[in-house]
Amino acid sequence: MKINVTDIKKITNAIDNAEGNAQARTLRPGRILDAVEQAEDRLNCIGIPKKYWEGCTITMKPGKVPNSYRSIAHGTFAEVKRFASGWFLVSVSRGIAGSCSFGASETDKLSLSADARDAIPDYEL
């Protein structure tokens, strides 16, 4: 799968296919756009030139339930990757959301490509 993040209709269809009838810990298409915007802000803040963004990925995970939850909780996971022509949704699936002491909110993790890591400017203090 490779869907441009600006194509909301295709993204919505991909999410609907992955989620089926799920009602909890679902993914809304707007969250994908928010995650891309935040990732671009972070990359700009770090000072990485745009030409080195290719290969960077955003991993989106659903919220975790408290350990006291008596059942297995499922949630929607997604991965967005930067290509030369822009950001694309490359996977969306349902999986086990997991648990922790008091529960946790959904998370988005930006992973830098090797080229992006090498392009981080050196700052002298």
C-alpha atoms as a PDB file:
ATOM      1  CA  MET A   1       0.000   0.000   0.000  1.00  0.00           C
ATOM      2  CA  LYS A   2       1.205   3.503  -0.814  1.00  0.00           C
ATOM      3  CA  ILE A   3      -1.390   6.244  -0.375  1.00  0.00           C
ATOM      4  CA  ASN A   4      -0.530   9.949  -0.492  1.00  0.00           C
ATOM      5  CA  VAL A   5      -1.517  11.576   2.825  1.00  0.00           C
ATOM      6  CA  THR A   6      -3.400  14.303   0.951  1.00  0.00           C
ATOM      7  CA  ASP A   7      -5.819  11.721  -0.487  1.00  0.00           C
ATOM      8  CA  ILE A   8      -8.230  11.596   2.457  1.00  0.00           C
ATOM      9  CA  LYS A   9     -10.796   9.416   0.652  1.00  0.00           C
ATOM     10  CA  LYS A  10      -8.299   6.597  -0.026  1.00  0.00           C
ATOM     11  CA  ILE A  11      -6.875   6.877   3.499  1.00  0.00           C
ATOM     12  CA  THR A  12     -10.375   6.650   4.975  1.00  0.00           C
ATOM     13  CA  ASN A  13     -11.104   3.549   2.868  1.00  0.00           C
ATOM     14  CA  ALA A  14      -7.837   1.880   3.958  1.00  0.00           C
ATOM     15  CA  ILE A  15      -8.581   2.596   7.623  1.00  0.00           C
ATOM     16  CA  ASP A  16     -12.176   1.363   7.283  1.00  0.00           C
ATOM     17  CA  ASN A  17     -10.947  -1.878   5.668  1.00  0.00           C
ATOM     18  CA  ALA A  18      -8.435  -2.474   8.467  1.00  0.00           C
ATOM     19  CA  GLU A  19     -10.812  -1.593  11.312  1.00  0.00           C
ATOM     20  CA  GLY A  20     -13.929  -3.382  10.111  1.00  0.00           C
ATOM     21  CA  ASN A  21     -16.581  -2.861  12.806  1.00  0.00           C
ATOM     22  CA  ALA A  22     -14.133  -1.752  15.532  1.00  0.00           C
ATOM     23  CA  GLN A  23     -15.371   1.039  17.800  1.00  0.00           C
ATOM     24  CA  ALA A  24     -12.473   1.510  20.234  1.00  0.00           C
ATOM     25  CA  ARG A  25      -8.857   2.624  19.755  1.00  0.00           C
ATOM     26  CA  THR A  26      -9.543   3.536  16.138  1.00  0.00           C
ATOM     27  CA  LEU A  27      -7.573   5.842  13.867  1.00  0.00           C
ATOM     28  CA  ARG A  28      -9.038   8.993  12.373  1.00  0.00           C
ATOM     29  CA  PRO A  29      -7.629  10.275   9.055  1.00  0.00           C
ATOM     30  CA  GLY A  30      -6.995  13.733  10.528  1.00  0.00           C
ATOM     31  CA  ARG A  31      -4.540  12.234  13.012  1.00  0.00           C
ATOM     32  CA  ILE A  32      -2.342  11.168  10.104  1.00  0.00           C
ATOM     33  CA  LEU A  33      -2.216  14.727   8.756  1.00  0.00           C
ATOM     34  CA  ASP A  34      -1.477  16.050  12.269  1.00  0.00           C
ATOM     35  CA  ALA A  35       1.374  13.560  12.689  1.00  0.00           C
ATOM     36  CA  VAL A  36       2.911  14.564   9.343  1.00  0.00           C
ATOM     37  CA  GLU A  37       2.679  18.252  10.250  1.00  0.00           C
ATOM     38  CA  GLN A  38       4.340  17.632  13.624  1.00  0.00           C
ATOM     39  CA  ALA A  39       7.063  15.514  12.011  1.00  0.00           C
ATOM     40  CA  GLU A  40       7.848  18.250   9.498  1.00  0.00           C
ATOM     41  CA  ASP A  41       7.999  20.794  12.325  1.00  0.00           C
ATOM     42  CA  ARG A  42      10.442  18.557  14.221  1.00  0.00           C
ATOM     43  CA  LEU A  43      12.618  18.000  11.158  1.00  0.00           C
ATOM     44  CA  ASN A  44      12.717  21.747  10.466  1.00  0.00           C
ATOM     45  CA  CYS A  45      13.473  22.472  14.125  1.00  0.00           C
ATOM     46  CA  ILE A  46      16.402  20.050  14.102  1.00  0.00           C
ATOM     47  CA  GLY A  47      17.670  21.748  10.973  1.00  0.00           C
ATOM     48  CA  ILE A  48      17.647  18.794   8.614  1.00  0.00           C
ATOM     49  CA  PRO A  49      17.375  19.961   4.979  1.00  0.00           C
ATOM     50  CA  LYS A  50      14.233  18.776   3.206  1.00  0.00           C
ATOM     51  CA  LYS A  51      16.195  16.794   0.616  1.00  0.00           C
ATOM     52  CA  TYR A  52      17.300  14.386   3.399  1.00  0.00           C
ATOM     53  CA  TRP A  53      13.791  13.671   4.734  1.00  0.00           C
ATOM     54  CA  GLU A  54      13.321  10.751   2.325  1.00  0.00           C
ATOM     55  CA  GLY A  55      13.152   7.478   4.248  1.00  0.00           C
ATOM     56  CA  CYS A  56      11.948   9.001   7.530  1.00  0.00           C
ATOM     57  CA  THR A  57       8.960   7.176   9.013  1.00  0.00           C
ATOM     58  CA  ILE A  58       6.166   7.958  11.445  1.00  0.00           C
ATOM     59  CA  THR A  59       4.878   4.992  13.441  1.00  0.00           C
ATOM     60  CA  MET A  60       1.433   5.528  14.926  1.00  0.00           C
ATOM     61  CA  LYS A  61       0.265   3.364  17.847  1.00  0.00           C
ATOM     62  CA  PRO A  62      -3.093   3.269  19.624  1.00  0.00           C
ATOM     63  CA  GLY A  63      -3.525   4.063  23.297  1.00  0.00           C
ATOM     64  CA  LYS A  64      -2.811   1.368  25.888  1.00  0.00           C
ATOM     65  CA  VAL A  65      -5.405   0.190  28.371  1.00  0.00           C
ATOM     66  CA  PRO A  66      -4.836  -0.090  32.138  1.00  0.00           C
ATOM     67  CA  ASN A  67      -3.520  -3.419  33.424  1.00  0.00           C
ATOM     68  CA  SER A  68      -6.848  -3.914  35.218  1.00  0.00           C
ATOM     69  CA  TYR A  69      -8.607  -4.267  31.846  1.00  0.00           C
ATOM     70  CA  ARG A  70      -9.799  -7.882  31.805  1.00  0.00           C
ATOM     71  CA  SER A  71      -9.695  -8.504  28.065  1.00  0.00           C
ATOM     72  CA  ILE A  72      -7.274  -8.212  25.171  1.00  0.00           C
ATOM     73  CA  ALA A  73      -7.504  -4.710  23.725  1.00  0.00           C
ATOM     74  CA  HIS A  74      -7.007  -4.195  20.002  1.00  0.00           C
ATOM     75  CA  GLY A  75      -6.161  -0.931  18.279  1.00  0.00           C
ATOM     76  CA  THR A  76      -5.273   0.477  14.887  1.00  0.00           C
ATOM     77  CA  PHE A  77      -1.593   0.861  13.973  1.00  0.00           C
ATOM     78  CA  ALA A  78      -0.289   2.847  10.999  1.00  0.00           C
ATOM     79  CA  GLU A  79       2.997   3.761   9.353  1.00  0.00           C
ATOM     80  CA  VAL A  80       3.647   6.832   7.214  1.00  0.00           C
ATOM     81  CA  LYS A  81       6.862   7.141   5.200  1.00  0.00           C
ATOM     82  CA  ARG A  82       8.521  10.038   3.422  1.00  0.00           C
ATOM     83  CA  PHE A  83       9.329   9.482  -0.239  1.00  0.00           C
ATOM     84  CA  ALA A  84      10.872  11.942  -2.695  1.00  0.00           C
ATOM     85  CA  SER A  85       7.407  13.110  -3.771  1.00  0.00           C
ATOM     86  CA  GLY A  86       5.937  13.469  -0.276  1.00  0.00           C
ATOM     87  CA  TRP A  87       4.473  11.568   2.700  1.00  0.00           C
ATOM     88  CA  PHE A  88       2.592   8.310   2.067  1.00  0.00           C
ATOM     89  CA  LEU A  89       0.594   5.931   4.246  1.00  0.00           C
ATOM     90  CA  VAL A  90       2.357   2.592   3.752  1.00  0.00           C
ATOM     91  CA  SER A  91       0.519   0.372   6.242  1.00  0.00           C
ATOM     92  CA  VAL A  92      -2.552   0.328   8.456  1.00  0.00           C
ATOM     93  CA  SER A  93      -3.638  -2.670  10.542  1.00  0.00           C
ATOM     94  CA  ARG A  94      -5.372  -3.790  13.720  1.00  0.00           C
ATOM     95  CA  GLY A  95      -3.300  -5.390  16.433  1.00  0.00           C
ATOM     96  CA  ILE A  96      -3.016  -5.833  20.179  1.00  0.00           C
ATOM     97  CA  ALA A  97      -2.798  -2.387  21.777  1.00  0.00           C
ATOM     98  CA  GLY A  98      -1.164  -3.563  24.977  1.00  0.00           C
ATOM     99  CA  SER A  99      -1.504  -2.372  28.546  1.00  0.00           C
ATOM    100  CA  CYS A 100       0.402  -0.504  31.227  1.00  0.00           C
ATOM    101  CA  SER A 101      -0.166   0.554  34.856  1.00  0.00           C
ATOM    102  CA  PHE A 102      -2.606   3.402  34.305  1.00  0.00           C
ATOM    103  CA  GLY A 103      -3.169   3.248  30.564  1.00  0.00           C
ATOM    104  CA  ALA A 104      -1.536   5.540  28.036  1.00  0.00           C
ATOM    105  CA  SER A 105      -2.611   7.763  25.182  1.00  0.00           C
ATOM    106  CA  GLU A 106      -1.867   7.118  21.526  1.00  0.00           C
ATOM    107  CA  THR A 107       1.690   7.780  20.375  1.00  0.00           C
ATOM    108  CA  ASP A 108       3.407   8.881  17.182  1.00  0.00           C
ATOM    109  CA  LYS A 109       7.119   8.133  16.768  1.00  0.00           C
ATOM    110  CA  LEU A 110       9.308   9.808  14.153  1.00  0.00           C
ATOM    111  CA  SER A 111      12.252   7.671  13.018  1.00  0.00           C
ATOM    112  CA  LEU A 112      15.009   9.319  11.012  1.00  0.00           C
ATOM    113  CA  SER A 113      16.620   7.690   8.008  1.00  0.00           C
ATOM    114  CA  ALA A 114      20.411   7.249   7.972  1.00  0.00           C
ATOM    115  CA  ASP A 115      20.736  10.196   5.565  1.00  0.00           C
ATOM    116  CA  ALA A 116      18.620  12.397   7.840  1.00  0.00           C
ATOM    117  CA  ARG A 117      20.724  11.455  10.883  1.00  0.00           C
ATOM    118  CA  ASP A 118      23.909  12.271   8.976  1.00  0.00           C
ATOM    119  CA  ALA A 119      22.455  15.640   7.906  1.00  0.00           C
ATOM    120  CA  ILE A 120      21.805  16.860  11.469  1.00  0.00           C
ATOM    121  CA  PRO A 121      23.847  20.045  11.801  1.00  0.00           C
ATOM    122  CA  ASP A 122      26.697  20.124  14.308  1.00  0.00           C
ATOM    123  CA  TYR A 123      26.231  22.805  16.908  1.00  0.00           C
ATOM    124  CA  GLU A 124      29.186  24.123  18.831  1.00  0.00           C
ATOM    125  CA  LEU A 125      28.568  25.297  22.355  1.00  0.00           C
END
